[in-house]
């Protein structure tokens, strides 16, 4: 039997929790937006939403989703350095990834421009406080590595993390992301959503909610 229920609470419940504590981001950065992450936009409708989605298949629907909100749509990919790279268009479009190792003549790959989160934020000058979300099918740590300066201004970061290197040995997994974020001044605050892998029902991935270790959301360490 394949497990389909979520092992943790969802984005909506998490954002309700944050708002109950008075957290209201002025900017929400959505990296790997696909058709749009409605739970973010609906939770914080007054924020400026900066969304990144390199896969052309999603662009028309994403533009429709963003219409009610103050937004900037960027069609480049974000990683650790500027380059021109290829994105694998997966049969399930939501599984498309920069982490593939297919040859450039594979008909499933799409050439995309890649830049860094730091370069983007230097250009856009986003207002704080900032919520960052990444959902990049294995490339999330590379996005973070290209955003070390930006992370200094981020209050809450939600990062997709895998428990297995599904794309191969080069695919960073759960503990590597936590280690990097700890060094950047963040700690794990919550675990969101999550999926079991169908082959054996092992937990395959979750979204990790990070907050600043010395930030307002950790002001109290009491039970």
N, C-alpha and C. Protein backbone atom coordinates (compact mmCIF):
# COMPACT_ATOMS: atom_id res chain seq x y z
N UNK A 1 0.84 -1.20 0.00
CA UNK A 1 0.00 0.00 0.00
C UNK A 1 0.88 1.25 0.00
N UNK A 2 0.58 2.17 -0.89
CA UNK A 2 1.34 3.42 -0.96
C UNK A 2 0.73 4.44 -0.01
N UNK A 3 1.56 5.01 0.86
CA UNK A 3 1.09 6.02 1.80
C UNK A 3 0.95 7.36 1.08
N UNK A 4 -0.19 8.01 1.24
CA UNK A 4 -0.44 9.29 0.57
C UNK A 4 -0.67 10.43 1.53
N UNK A 5 -0.91 10.13 2.81
CA UNK A 5 -1.16 11.22 3.76
C UNK A 5 0.14 11.97 4.07
N UNK A 6 0.00 13.24 4.43
CA UNK A 6 1.15 14.06 4.76
C UNK A 6 1.64 13.73 6.16
N UNK A 7 2.96 13.59 6.36
CA UNK A 7 3.48 13.26 7.69
C UNK A 7 3.57 14.46 8.61
N UNK A 8 3.36 15.67 8.08
CA UNK A 8 3.55 16.89 8.87
C UNK A 8 2.44 17.88 8.54
N UNK A 9 2.44 19.05 9.21
CA UNK A 9 1.42 20.05 8.88
C UNK A 9 1.77 20.76 7.58
N UNK A 10 0.76 21.37 6.97
CA UNK A 10 0.95 21.95 5.65
C UNK A 10 1.33 23.43 5.72
N UNK A 11 1.56 24.02 4.56
CA UNK A 11 1.95 25.42 4.48
C UNK A 11 0.90 26.34 5.09
N UNK A 12 -0.37 26.07 4.79
CA UNK A 12 -1.44 26.94 5.30
C UNK A 12 -1.41 27.01 6.82
N UNK A 13 -1.28 25.85 7.47
CA UNK A 13 -1.25 25.83 8.93
C UNK A 13 -0.01 26.54 9.46
N UNK A 14 1.10 26.39 8.77
CA UNK A 14 2.34 27.05 9.20
C UNK A 14 2.23 28.56 9.09
N UNK A 15 1.66 29.04 8.00
CA UNK A 15 1.54 30.49 7.83
C UNK A 15 0.53 31.08 8.82
N UNK A 16 -0.51 30.33 9.12
CA UNK A 16 -1.44 30.77 10.16
C UNK A 16 -0.71 30.92 11.49
N UNK A 17 0.15 29.97 11.78
CA UNK A 17 0.97 30.03 13.00
C UNK A 17 1.86 31.27 13.00
N UNK A 18 2.57 31.51 11.89
CA UNK A 18 3.47 32.67 11.82
C UNK A 18 2.70 33.97 12.02
N UNK A 19 1.55 34.07 11.38
CA UNK A 19 0.76 35.31 11.50
C UNK A 19 0.26 35.51 12.92
N UNK A 20 -0.03 34.41 13.62
CA UNK A 20 -0.49 34.54 15.01
C UNK A 20 0.60 35.10 15.91
N UNK A 21 1.86 34.96 15.47
CA UNK A 21 3.00 35.50 16.22
C UNK A 21 3.40 36.89 15.74
N UNK A 22 2.65 37.42 14.78
CA UNK A 22 2.91 38.77 14.30
C UNK A 22 3.88 38.86 13.14
N UNK A 23 4.26 37.72 12.56
CA UNK A 23 5.20 37.77 11.43
C UNK A 23 4.45 38.13 10.16
N UNK A 24 4.90 39.19 9.50
CA UNK A 24 4.27 39.66 8.27
C UNK A 24 5.36 40.12 7.31
N UNK A 25 5.80 39.25 6.41
CA UNK A 25 6.87 39.63 5.49
C UNK A 25 6.45 40.73 4.54
N UNK A 26 7.39 41.61 4.23
CA UNK A 26 7.15 42.63 3.21
C UNK A 26 7.49 42.08 1.82
N UNK A 27 8.38 41.07 1.79
CA UNK A 27 8.77 40.44 0.53
C UNK A 27 8.74 38.93 0.69
N UNK A 28 8.15 38.25 -0.28
CA UNK A 28 8.19 36.78 -0.33
C UNK A 28 8.89 36.38 -1.63
N UNK A 29 9.95 35.59 -1.50
CA UNK A 29 10.72 35.13 -2.66
C UNK A 29 10.39 33.65 -2.87
N UNK A 30 9.85 33.34 -4.03
CA UNK A 30 9.39 31.98 -4.33
C UNK A 30 10.25 31.42 -5.46
N UNK A 31 11.19 30.55 -5.11
CA UNK A 31 12.12 29.99 -6.09
C UNK A 31 11.66 28.58 -6.47
N UNK A 32 11.35 28.39 -7.73
CA UNK A 32 10.74 27.14 -8.18
C UNK A 32 9.24 27.24 -7.99
N UNK A 33 8.63 28.25 -8.58
CA UNK A 33 7.23 28.57 -8.31
C UNK A 33 6.26 27.68 -9.08
N UNK A 34 6.70 27.08 -10.20
CA UNK A 34 5.80 26.30 -11.07
C UNK A 34 4.61 27.17 -11.47
N UNK A 35 3.39 26.72 -11.17
CA UNK A 35 2.21 27.52 -11.51
C UNK A 35 1.90 28.57 -10.45
N UNK A 36 2.69 28.57 -9.38
CA UNK A 36 2.47 29.52 -8.29
C UNK A 36 2.19 28.82 -6.99
N UNK A 37 2.74 29.35 -5.90
CA UNK A 37 2.53 28.78 -4.57
C UNK A 37 1.45 29.60 -3.88
N UNK A 38 0.20 29.26 -4.14
CA UNK A 38 -0.92 30.07 -3.68
C UNK A 38 -0.95 30.24 -2.17
N UNK A 39 -0.53 29.22 -1.44
CA UNK A 39 -0.58 29.31 0.02
C UNK A 39 0.25 30.48 0.53
N UNK A 40 1.35 30.79 -0.13
CA UNK A 40 2.17 31.95 0.27
C UNK A 40 1.46 33.24 -0.08
N UNK A 41 1.00 33.36 -1.32
CA UNK A 41 0.42 34.61 -1.79
C UNK A 41 -0.86 34.94 -1.03
N UNK A 42 -1.67 33.92 -0.76
CA UNK A 42 -2.93 34.15 -0.05
C UNK A 42 -2.71 34.47 1.42
N UNK A 43 -1.66 33.89 2.00
CA UNK A 43 -1.37 34.17 3.41
C UNK A 43 -0.84 35.58 3.60
N UNK A 44 -0.08 36.07 2.61
CA UNK A 44 0.55 37.38 2.73
C UNK A 44 0.25 38.22 1.49
N UNK A 45 -1.02 38.59 1.30
CA UNK A 45 -1.42 39.28 0.07
C UNK A 45 -0.86 40.69 -0.07
N UNK A 46 -0.45 41.30 1.02
CA UNK A 46 0.08 42.66 0.96
C UNK A 46 1.56 42.70 0.62
N UNK A 47 2.22 41.56 0.64
CA UNK A 47 3.66 41.51 0.38
C UNK A 47 3.95 41.67 -1.11
N UNK A 48 5.20 42.02 -1.41
CA UNK A 48 5.70 41.95 -2.78
C UNK A 48 6.17 40.51 -3.01
N UNK A 49 5.71 39.89 -4.08
CA UNK A 49 6.05 38.50 -4.37
C UNK A 49 6.99 38.44 -5.56
N UNK A 50 8.20 37.95 -5.30
CA UNK A 50 9.20 37.80 -6.35
C UNK A 50 9.31 36.31 -6.64
N UNK A 51 8.91 35.91 -7.85
CA UNK A 51 8.80 34.48 -8.15
C UNK A 51 9.74 34.09 -9.30
N UNK A 52 10.31 32.90 -9.17
CA UNK A 52 11.26 32.38 -10.15
C UNK A 52 10.76 31.05 -10.69
N UNK A 53 10.69 30.95 -12.01
CA UNK A 53 10.30 29.70 -12.65
C UNK A 53 10.89 29.64 -14.06
N UNK A 54 11.89 28.80 -14.27
CA UNK A 54 12.54 28.74 -15.58
C UNK A 54 11.83 27.88 -16.63
N UNK A 55 10.92 26.98 -16.22
CA UNK A 55 10.31 26.06 -17.18
C UNK A 55 9.20 26.77 -17.96
N UNK A 56 9.35 26.93 -19.28
CA UNK A 56 8.37 27.69 -20.06
C UNK A 56 6.94 27.15 -19.96
N UNK A 57 6.79 25.86 -19.74
CA UNK A 57 5.46 25.25 -19.68
C UNK A 57 4.59 25.89 -18.60
N UNK A 58 5.19 26.45 -17.57
CA UNK A 58 4.44 27.01 -16.44
C UNK A 58 4.16 28.51 -16.57
N UNK A 59 4.79 29.19 -17.50
CA UNK A 59 4.81 30.65 -17.47
C UNK A 59 3.43 31.29 -17.64
N UNK A 60 2.62 30.79 -18.55
CA UNK A 60 1.31 31.39 -18.78
C UNK A 60 0.42 31.26 -17.54
N UNK A 61 0.39 30.07 -16.94
CA UNK A 61 -0.43 29.85 -15.76
C UNK A 61 0.10 30.65 -14.57
N UNK A 62 1.41 30.75 -14.45
CA UNK A 62 2.00 31.52 -13.36
C UNK A 62 1.61 32.99 -13.47
N UNK A 63 1.63 33.53 -14.67
CA UNK A 63 1.25 34.93 -14.87
C UNK A 63 -0.20 35.17 -14.43
N UNK A 64 -1.09 34.23 -14.72
CA UNK A 64 -2.48 34.35 -14.29
C UNK A 64 -2.59 34.31 -12.77
N UNK A 65 -1.85 33.40 -12.16
CA UNK A 65 -1.89 33.25 -10.70
C UNK A 65 -1.46 34.53 -10.00
N UNK A 66 -0.45 35.20 -10.57
CA UNK A 66 0.15 36.35 -9.89
C UNK A 66 -0.62 37.65 -10.08
N UNK A 67 -1.59 37.68 -10.98
CA UNK A 67 -2.28 38.94 -11.31
C UNK A 67 -2.83 39.70 -10.11
N UNK A 68 -3.43 39.03 -9.11
CA UNK A 68 -4.01 39.79 -7.99
C UNK A 68 -2.98 40.39 -7.03
N UNK A 69 -1.72 40.06 -7.19
CA UNK A 69 -0.71 40.42 -6.19
C UNK A 69 0.36 41.34 -6.78
N UNK A 70 0.98 42.12 -5.91
CA UNK A 70 2.18 42.87 -6.33
C UNK A 70 3.27 41.84 -6.58
N UNK A 71 3.83 41.84 -7.76
CA UNK A 71 4.74 40.74 -8.07
C UNK A 71 5.78 41.11 -9.11
N UNK A 72 6.83 40.30 -9.12
CA UNK A 72 7.85 40.30 -10.16
C UNK A 72 8.04 38.85 -10.57
N UNK A 73 7.91 38.55 -11.85
CA UNK A 73 8.13 37.19 -12.35
C UNK A 73 9.46 37.16 -13.09
N UNK A 74 10.32 36.24 -12.68
CA UNK A 74 11.62 36.06 -13.33
C UNK A 74 11.66 34.65 -13.91
N UNK A 75 12.11 34.53 -15.16
CA UNK A 75 12.10 33.24 -15.84
C UNK A 75 13.48 32.59 -15.89
N UNK A 76 14.44 33.13 -15.17
CA UNK A 76 15.75 32.50 -15.06
C UNK A 76 15.72 31.45 -13.95
N UNK A 77 16.72 30.59 -13.95
CA UNK A 77 16.94 29.66 -12.84
C UNK A 77 17.94 30.27 -11.88
N UNK A 78 17.89 29.86 -10.63
CA UNK A 78 18.85 30.30 -9.62
C UNK A 78 19.69 29.12 -9.17
N UNK A 79 21.02 29.32 -9.16
CA UNK A 79 21.93 28.31 -8.62
C UNK A 79 23.10 29.03 -7.98
N UNK A 80 24.26 28.38 -7.90
CA UNK A 80 25.38 28.95 -7.15
C UNK A 80 26.25 29.88 -7.98
N UNK A 81 26.04 29.91 -9.31
CA UNK A 81 26.84 30.77 -10.17
C UNK A 81 26.10 31.07 -11.46
N UNK A 82 26.50 32.15 -12.12
CA UNK A 82 25.90 32.50 -13.39
C UNK A 82 26.38 31.54 -14.48
N UNK A 83 25.46 31.14 -15.35
CA UNK A 83 25.82 30.22 -16.42
C UNK A 83 24.62 30.03 -17.34
N UNK A 84 24.83 29.32 -18.41
CA UNK A 84 23.74 28.80 -19.23
C UNK A 84 23.74 27.29 -19.04
N UNK A 85 22.64 26.76 -18.53
CA UNK A 85 22.58 25.33 -18.23
C UNK A 85 21.31 24.73 -18.82
N UNK A 86 21.12 23.44 -18.58
CA UNK A 86 19.93 22.79 -19.11
C UNK A 86 19.05 22.27 -17.98
N UNK A 87 17.77 22.36 -18.22
CA UNK A 87 16.73 21.89 -17.30
C UNK A 87 16.05 20.69 -17.93
N UNK A 88 15.94 19.61 -17.18
CA UNK A 88 15.26 18.42 -17.69
C UNK A 88 13.76 18.59 -17.52
N UNK A 89 13.03 18.56 -18.65
CA UNK A 89 11.57 18.62 -18.59
C UNK A 89 11.06 17.21 -18.32
N UNK A 90 10.65 16.99 -17.07
CA UNK A 90 10.17 15.68 -16.64
C UNK A 90 8.76 15.44 -17.18
N UNK A 91 8.40 14.16 -17.35
CA UNK A 91 7.04 13.83 -17.78
C UNK A 91 6.02 14.45 -16.85
N UNK A 92 6.28 14.38 -15.55
CA UNK A 92 5.53 15.15 -14.56
C UNK A 92 6.25 16.48 -14.45
N UNK A 93 5.69 17.53 -15.02
CA UNK A 93 6.40 18.80 -15.11
C UNK A 93 6.90 19.30 -13.76
N UNK A 94 6.17 18.96 -12.69
CA UNK A 94 6.57 19.41 -11.36
C UNK A 94 7.86 18.73 -10.89
N UNK A 95 8.26 17.66 -11.56
CA UNK A 95 9.49 16.97 -11.22
C UNK A 95 10.68 17.40 -12.07
N UNK A 96 10.51 18.42 -12.91
CA UNK A 96 11.59 18.90 -13.76
C UNK A 96 12.71 19.46 -12.89
N UNK A 97 13.96 19.28 -13.34
CA UNK A 97 15.08 19.62 -12.45
C UNK A 97 16.33 20.02 -13.22
N UNK A 98 17.13 20.87 -12.56
CA UNK A 98 18.46 21.22 -13.05
C UNK A 98 19.50 20.18 -12.65
N UNK A 99 19.12 19.20 -11.84
CA UNK A 99 20.08 18.26 -11.27
C UNK A 99 20.31 17.03 -12.14
N UNK A 100 19.72 17.00 -13.31
CA UNK A 100 19.87 15.84 -14.20
C UNK A 100 21.30 15.75 -14.73
N UNK A 101 21.62 14.61 -15.30
CA UNK A 101 22.91 14.41 -15.96
C UNK A 101 22.68 13.87 -17.38
N UNK A 102 21.62 14.36 -18.04
CA UNK A 102 21.34 13.97 -19.41
C UNK A 102 22.24 14.74 -20.37
N UNK A 103 22.43 14.21 -21.56
CA UNK A 103 23.23 14.88 -22.58
C UNK A 103 22.42 16.03 -23.19
N UNK A 104 23.14 17.03 -23.71
CA UNK A 104 22.47 18.21 -24.24
C UNK A 104 21.60 17.92 -25.45
N UNK A 105 21.85 16.81 -26.14
CA UNK A 105 21.03 16.49 -27.31
C UNK A 105 19.78 15.68 -26.95
N UNK A 106 19.58 15.43 -25.66
CA UNK A 106 18.35 14.78 -25.19
C UNK A 106 17.19 15.75 -25.45
N UNK A 107 16.16 15.28 -26.12
CA UNK A 107 15.04 16.15 -26.48
C UNK A 107 14.25 16.65 -25.28
N UNK A 108 14.49 16.08 -24.13
CA UNK A 108 13.76 16.50 -22.93
C UNK A 108 14.41 17.66 -22.20
N UNK A 109 15.60 18.09 -22.61
CA UNK A 109 16.28 19.16 -21.89
C UNK A 109 16.00 20.51 -22.55
N UNK A 110 15.91 21.53 -21.71
CA UNK A 110 15.64 22.90 -22.14
C UNK A 110 16.78 23.78 -21.66
N UNK A 111 17.33 24.60 -22.53
CA UNK A 111 18.40 25.51 -22.13
C UNK A 111 17.82 26.70 -21.39
N UNK A 112 18.40 27.03 -20.24
CA UNK A 112 17.91 28.16 -19.44
C UNK A 112 19.09 28.99 -18.95
N UNK A 113 18.80 30.26 -18.73
CA UNK A 113 19.81 31.14 -18.15
C UNK A 113 19.78 30.99 -16.63
N UNK A 114 20.95 30.95 -16.04
CA UNK A 114 21.08 30.76 -14.59
C UNK A 114 21.81 31.95 -14.01
N UNK A 115 21.31 32.45 -12.89
CA UNK A 115 22.00 33.49 -12.14
C UNK A 115 21.95 33.13 -10.66
N UNK A 116 22.34 34.05 -9.80
CA UNK A 116 22.34 33.76 -8.37
C UNK A 116 21.31 34.61 -7.65
N UNK A 117 20.88 34.12 -6.52
CA UNK A 117 19.93 34.87 -5.69
C UNK A 117 20.53 36.20 -5.25
N UNK A 118 21.81 36.19 -4.91
CA UNK A 118 22.45 37.44 -4.49
C UNK A 118 22.45 38.49 -5.59
N UNK A 119 22.77 38.09 -6.81
CA UNK A 119 22.76 39.04 -7.92
C UNK A 119 21.36 39.57 -8.17
N UNK A 120 20.37 38.71 -8.07
CA UNK A 120 18.99 39.14 -8.27
C UNK A 120 18.54 40.13 -7.21
N UNK A 121 18.85 39.85 -5.95
CA UNK A 121 18.40 40.72 -4.88
C UNK A 121 19.14 42.05 -4.88
N UNK A 122 20.38 42.05 -5.34
CA UNK A 122 21.11 43.31 -5.46
C UNK A 122 20.43 44.22 -6.47
N UNK A 123 19.83 43.62 -7.48
CA UNK A 123 19.14 44.39 -8.52
C UNK A 123 17.75 44.83 -8.07
N UNK A 124 17.05 43.97 -7.31
CA UNK A 124 15.66 44.23 -6.97
C UNK A 124 15.47 45.02 -5.67
N UNK A 125 16.43 44.97 -4.76
CA UNK A 125 16.37 45.73 -3.50
C UNK A 125 15.06 45.46 -2.76
N UNK A 126 14.87 44.25 -2.29
CA UNK A 126 13.62 43.85 -1.64
C UNK A 126 13.51 44.38 -0.22
N UNK A 127 12.29 44.74 0.14
CA UNK A 127 12.02 45.28 1.47
C UNK A 127 11.93 44.15 2.49
N UNK A 128 12.45 44.38 3.67
CA UNK A 128 12.40 43.40 4.76
C UNK A 128 11.18 43.66 5.64
N UNK A 129 10.74 42.64 6.39
CA UNK A 129 11.26 41.27 6.52
C UNK A 129 10.96 40.43 5.28
N UNK A 130 11.76 39.36 5.13
CA UNK A 130 11.72 38.54 3.92
C UNK A 130 11.43 37.07 4.26
N UNK A 131 10.52 36.49 3.51
CA UNK A 131 10.26 35.05 3.54
C UNK A 131 10.81 34.46 2.24
N UNK A 132 11.62 33.42 2.35
CA UNK A 132 12.17 32.73 1.19
C UNK A 132 11.65 31.30 1.15
N UNK A 133 11.23 30.86 -0.04
CA UNK A 133 10.83 29.47 -0.23
C UNK A 133 11.53 28.92 -1.46
N UNK A 134 12.12 27.73 -1.34
CA UNK A 134 12.72 27.08 -2.50
C UNK A 134 12.11 25.70 -2.68
N UNK A 135 11.81 25.37 -3.92
CA UNK A 135 11.27 24.05 -4.28
C UNK A 135 11.87 23.71 -5.63
N UNK A 136 13.09 23.19 -5.63
CA UNK A 136 13.91 23.12 -6.84
C UNK A 136 14.36 21.72 -7.20
N UNK A 137 13.66 20.71 -6.73
CA UNK A 137 13.91 19.33 -7.14
C UNK A 137 15.39 18.95 -7.06
N UNK A 138 15.96 19.16 -5.87
CA UNK A 138 17.33 18.74 -5.61
C UNK A 138 18.36 19.84 -5.71
N UNK A 139 18.01 20.97 -6.34
CA UNK A 139 18.98 22.06 -6.52
C UNK A 139 18.90 23.11 -5.42
N UNK A 140 18.13 22.86 -4.38
CA UNK A 140 17.87 23.88 -3.36
C UNK A 140 19.14 24.36 -2.67
N UNK A 141 20.04 23.45 -2.34
CA UNK A 141 21.27 23.87 -1.67
C UNK A 141 22.10 24.77 -2.58
N UNK A 142 22.09 24.52 -3.88
CA UNK A 142 22.83 25.35 -4.81
C UNK A 142 22.22 26.75 -4.89
N UNK A 143 20.90 26.83 -4.79
CA UNK A 143 20.23 28.13 -4.73
C UNK A 143 20.70 28.89 -3.49
N UNK A 144 20.74 28.21 -2.36
CA UNK A 144 21.16 28.84 -1.10
C UNK A 144 22.61 29.28 -1.15
N UNK A 145 23.46 28.48 -1.77
CA UNK A 145 24.88 28.84 -1.87
C UNK A 145 25.08 30.09 -2.72
N UNK A 146 24.19 30.31 -3.65
CA UNK A 146 24.24 31.53 -4.45
C UNK A 146 23.54 32.70 -3.79
N UNK A 147 23.09 32.52 -2.55
CA UNK A 147 22.35 33.57 -1.86
C UNK A 147 22.84 33.83 -0.45
N UNK A 148 24.13 33.66 -0.22
CA UNK A 148 24.68 33.81 1.14
C UNK A 148 24.45 35.20 1.71
N UNK A 149 24.59 36.22 0.89
CA UNK A 149 24.35 37.59 1.36
C UNK A 149 22.87 37.84 1.58
N UNK A 150 22.05 37.33 0.69
CA UNK A 150 20.60 37.49 0.82
C UNK A 150 20.09 36.85 2.10
N UNK A 151 20.65 35.69 2.46
CA UNK A 151 20.20 34.99 3.66
C UNK A 151 20.36 35.82 4.92
N UNK A 152 21.29 36.75 4.91
CA UNK A 152 21.47 37.62 6.08
C UNK A 152 20.23 38.46 6.34
N UNK A 153 19.44 38.71 5.30
CA UNK A 153 18.25 39.54 5.42
C UNK A 153 16.96 38.72 5.47
N UNK A 154 17.07 37.40 5.36
CA UNK A 154 15.89 36.53 5.37
C UNK A 154 15.53 36.17 6.81
N UNK A 155 14.25 36.21 7.13
CA UNK A 155 13.79 35.86 8.48
C UNK A 155 13.30 34.42 8.56
N UNK A 156 12.58 33.98 7.53
CA UNK A 156 12.06 32.62 7.47
C UNK A 156 12.40 32.05 6.10
N UNK A 157 12.95 30.84 6.08
CA UNK A 157 13.27 30.17 4.82
C UNK A 157 12.65 28.78 4.83
N UNK A 158 11.91 28.46 3.79
CA UNK A 158 11.31 27.14 3.64
C UNK A 158 12.01 26.45 2.48
N UNK A 159 12.68 25.34 2.76
CA UNK A 159 13.57 24.71 1.79
C UNK A 159 13.18 23.25 1.61
N UNK A 160 12.94 22.85 0.37
CA UNK A 160 12.66 21.44 0.10
C UNK A 160 13.93 20.62 0.28
N UNK A 161 13.81 19.48 0.95
CA UNK A 161 14.98 18.63 1.21
C UNK A 161 14.61 17.17 1.00
N UNK A 162 15.50 16.44 0.35
CA UNK A 162 15.31 15.01 0.10
C UNK A 162 16.06 14.19 1.14
N UNK A 163 15.56 13.00 1.41
CA UNK A 163 16.23 12.07 2.32
C UNK A 163 17.11 11.08 1.58
N UNK A 164 17.00 11.05 0.27
CA UNK A 164 17.82 10.19 -0.57
C UNK A 164 18.33 11.01 -1.76
N UNK A 165 19.52 10.70 -2.28
CA UNK A 165 20.05 11.45 -3.43
C UNK A 165 19.43 10.94 -4.73
N UNK A 166 18.18 11.29 -4.95
CA UNK A 166 17.42 10.74 -6.07
C UNK A 166 18.06 11.02 -7.43
N UNK A 167 18.73 12.14 -7.56
CA UNK A 167 19.34 12.50 -8.85
C UNK A 167 20.76 11.99 -8.99
N UNK A 168 21.30 11.36 -7.96
CA UNK A 168 22.66 10.84 -8.02
C UNK A 168 23.50 11.38 -6.88
N UNK A 169 24.77 10.98 -6.80
CA UNK A 169 25.64 11.38 -5.69
C UNK A 169 25.83 12.88 -5.55
N UNK A 170 25.59 13.63 -6.62
CA UNK A 170 25.75 15.09 -6.58
C UNK A 170 24.53 15.78 -5.96
N UNK A 171 23.50 15.04 -5.63
CA UNK A 171 22.26 15.60 -5.10
C UNK A 171 22.36 15.79 -3.59
N UNK A 172 22.43 17.03 -3.08
CA UNK A 172 22.51 17.25 -1.63
C UNK A 172 21.24 16.78 -0.94
N UNK A 173 21.39 16.21 0.25
CA UNK A 173 20.23 15.72 0.98
C UNK A 173 20.05 16.46 2.30
N UNK A 174 19.07 15.99 3.06
CA UNK A 174 18.55 16.64 4.26
C UNK A 174 19.62 17.23 5.16
N UNK A 175 20.57 16.41 5.63
CA UNK A 175 21.53 16.89 6.62
C UNK A 175 22.47 17.93 6.04
N UNK A 176 22.76 17.85 4.74
CA UNK A 176 23.65 18.83 4.12
C UNK A 176 23.01 20.22 4.10
N UNK A 177 21.72 20.25 3.85
CA UNK A 177 21.00 21.53 3.85
C UNK A 177 20.95 22.11 5.25
N UNK A 178 20.67 21.27 6.25
CA UNK A 178 20.63 21.75 7.63
C UNK A 178 22.00 22.26 8.06
N UNK A 179 23.06 21.56 7.70
CA UNK A 179 24.41 21.99 8.06
C UNK A 179 24.73 23.35 7.45
N UNK A 180 24.41 23.52 6.18
CA UNK A 180 24.67 24.80 5.51
C UNK A 180 23.89 25.93 6.18
N UNK A 181 22.62 25.68 6.45
CA UNK A 181 21.79 26.73 7.04
C UNK A 181 22.23 27.06 8.46
N UNK A 182 22.70 26.07 9.21
CA UNK A 182 23.22 26.33 10.55
C UNK A 182 24.41 27.28 10.47
N UNK A 183 25.29 27.05 9.51
CA UNK A 183 26.46 27.91 9.34
C UNK A 183 26.05 29.31 8.89
N UNK A 184 24.87 29.43 8.28
CA UNK A 184 24.36 30.73 7.84
C UNK A 184 23.55 31.42 8.92
N UNK A 185 23.44 30.80 10.11
CA UNK A 185 22.75 31.43 11.22
C UNK A 185 21.31 31.01 11.41
N UNK A 186 20.90 29.91 10.77
CA UNK A 186 19.52 29.44 10.86
C UNK A 186 19.44 28.10 11.58
N UNK A 187 18.28 27.84 12.17
CA UNK A 187 18.00 26.53 12.77
C UNK A 187 16.64 26.05 12.28
N UNK A 188 16.43 24.75 12.40
CA UNK A 188 15.14 24.17 12.00
C UNK A 188 14.06 24.62 12.98
N UNK A 189 12.95 25.09 12.43
CA UNK A 189 11.83 25.56 13.24
C UNK A 189 10.62 24.64 13.10
N UNK A 190 10.44 24.06 11.92
CA UNK A 190 9.29 23.19 11.67
C UNK A 190 9.56 22.34 10.43
N UNK A 191 8.80 21.27 10.29
CA UNK A 191 8.83 20.42 9.10
C UNK A 191 7.44 20.45 8.47
N UNK A 192 7.38 20.69 7.16
CA UNK A 192 6.11 20.91 6.48
C UNK A 192 5.90 19.90 5.36
N UNK A 193 4.63 19.62 5.12
CA UNK A 193 4.24 18.72 4.03
C UNK A 193 5.06 17.44 4.06
N UNK A 194 5.69 17.09 2.97
CA UNK A 194 6.44 15.85 2.90
C UNK A 194 5.77 14.82 2.01
N UNK A 195 6.59 13.97 1.43
CA UNK A 195 6.09 12.90 0.56
C UNK A 195 6.82 11.60 0.88
N UNK A 196 6.08 10.50 0.88
CA UNK A 196 6.68 9.18 0.98
C UNK A 196 7.03 8.71 -0.42
N UNK A 197 8.19 8.06 -0.58
CA UNK A 197 8.50 7.55 -1.91
C UNK A 197 7.69 6.28 -2.15
N UNK A 198 7.16 6.10 -3.35
CA UNK A 198 6.23 4.99 -3.60
C UNK A 198 6.88 3.62 -3.59
N UNK A 199 8.19 3.53 -3.77
CA UNK A 199 8.83 2.21 -3.86
C UNK A 199 8.76 1.43 -2.56
N UNK A 200 8.83 2.14 -1.40
CA UNK A 200 8.83 1.42 -0.12
C UNK A 200 8.18 2.20 1.02
N UNK A 201 7.55 3.33 0.70
CA UNK A 201 6.88 4.18 1.69
C UNK A 201 7.83 4.83 2.68
N UNK A 202 9.12 4.87 2.36
CA UNK A 202 10.05 5.65 3.18
C UNK A 202 9.80 7.13 2.94
N UNK A 203 10.05 7.95 3.95
CA UNK A 203 9.90 9.39 3.79
C UNK A 203 10.93 9.87 2.78
N UNK A 204 10.46 10.44 1.68
CA UNK A 204 11.35 10.84 0.60
C UNK A 204 11.80 12.27 0.66
N UNK A 205 10.89 13.17 1.05
CA UNK A 205 11.27 14.58 1.13
C UNK A 205 10.31 15.32 2.04
N UNK A 206 10.79 16.44 2.57
CA UNK A 206 9.97 17.36 3.35
C UNK A 206 10.40 18.78 3.00
N UNK A 207 9.59 19.74 3.42
CA UNK A 207 9.98 21.14 3.35
C UNK A 207 10.39 21.55 4.76
N UNK A 208 11.62 22.02 4.90
CA UNK A 208 12.14 22.43 6.20
C UNK A 208 11.93 23.92 6.38
N UNK A 209 11.30 24.31 7.47
CA UNK A 209 11.15 25.72 7.80
C UNK A 209 12.29 26.13 8.73
N UNK A 210 13.10 27.06 8.28
CA UNK A 210 14.21 27.58 9.07
C UNK A 210 13.89 29.00 9.54
N UNK A 211 14.39 29.33 10.73
CA UNK A 211 14.35 30.71 11.21
C UNK A 211 15.73 31.08 11.74
N UNK A 212 15.96 32.37 11.90
CA UNK A 212 17.24 32.81 12.44
C UNK A 212 17.42 32.29 13.87
N UNK A 213 18.58 31.74 14.13
CA UNK A 213 18.85 31.14 15.44
C UNK A 213 18.66 32.15 16.56
N UNK A 214 19.00 33.39 16.31
CA UNK A 214 18.88 34.44 17.33
C UNK A 214 17.79 35.44 16.96
N UNK A 215 16.81 35.00 16.17
CA UNK A 215 15.75 35.88 15.73
C UNK A 215 14.57 35.94 16.67
N UNK A 216 13.59 36.76 16.31
CA UNK A 216 12.43 37.00 17.16
C UNK A 216 11.59 35.74 17.38
N UNK A 217 11.56 34.84 16.41
CA UNK A 217 10.74 33.64 16.55
C UNK A 217 11.34 32.63 17.52
N UNK A 218 12.58 32.88 17.95
CA UNK A 218 13.22 32.02 18.96
C UNK A 218 13.59 32.82 20.21
N UNK A 219 12.85 33.89 20.43
CA UNK A 219 13.14 34.74 21.59
C UNK A 219 13.03 33.95 22.89
N UNK A 220 12.03 33.08 22.97
CA UNK A 220 11.85 32.25 24.16
C UNK A 220 12.30 30.83 23.86
N UNK A 221 13.06 30.23 24.78
CA UNK A 221 13.46 28.84 24.67
C UNK A 221 12.73 27.97 25.69
N UNK A 222 11.74 28.54 26.35
CA UNK A 222 10.98 27.79 27.35
C UNK A 222 9.98 26.86 26.68
N UNK A 223 9.60 25.79 27.36
CA UNK A 223 8.59 24.85 26.86
C UNK A 223 7.21 25.50 26.95
